[in-house]
């Protein structure tokens, strides 16, 4: 059983991004709006797997430290994973948040941050895991889909579920339209969940996440 205690201390977040960083911005906006003490956490650094992305620019505009860890700069995927773990660990985070980070982490990263690494997925897991969750839900004819906030384990979108949000599938939806509505719910849910687990603490009992 993994557990993180509640307490008055403001939790330290490292956020990982690969693209535009809209989920990162949602976190930044909420922390600025409510204050780190009331929200329960503050972002101490933002990392990425590539240069020149808006997610890093958002972090820099907010005055946050950034780092980039590219797979191609390392001799193996395992070496990259170890380097990413070192880069994140340098900021001593209580939680790591994948805000659209499009790389699968490995054993070294999970050895350090397993049970503390939060991810989002644009479907209601365990249905439609993988890189095409929105497309797959449409192709299957699902009437509802949504988003899942979960802890990352060594599978693909198989970690313990923290929270889910439901989005109705409309007859006229294409992948883009449906994904945009899912993203709106996803941003709100991620902000809510990260704040709750930071403020209240949590424990993981098998597949069940209990926010204390």
Foldseek 3Di string as FASTA:
>chain_A
DDWDAADQDQFEEEEEAEAQQPLVVLLVVVCVVQPSRQLQYDYQEYEYQDPDHNNVVVCVVVVHHYYHQHCVVDPHLLRSLQVVLVVVCVSVGQAYEYRHHPDQHDDNNCVVQAVRYKYKDFWDPPPQFDDPSLQVCVVVPPQKTAMWIFTDDNDGPPGATDDIDIDGDDPPDDSVVSVVVRVVVVSVVVSVRVSQCSNQMWGCDPNYIGRD
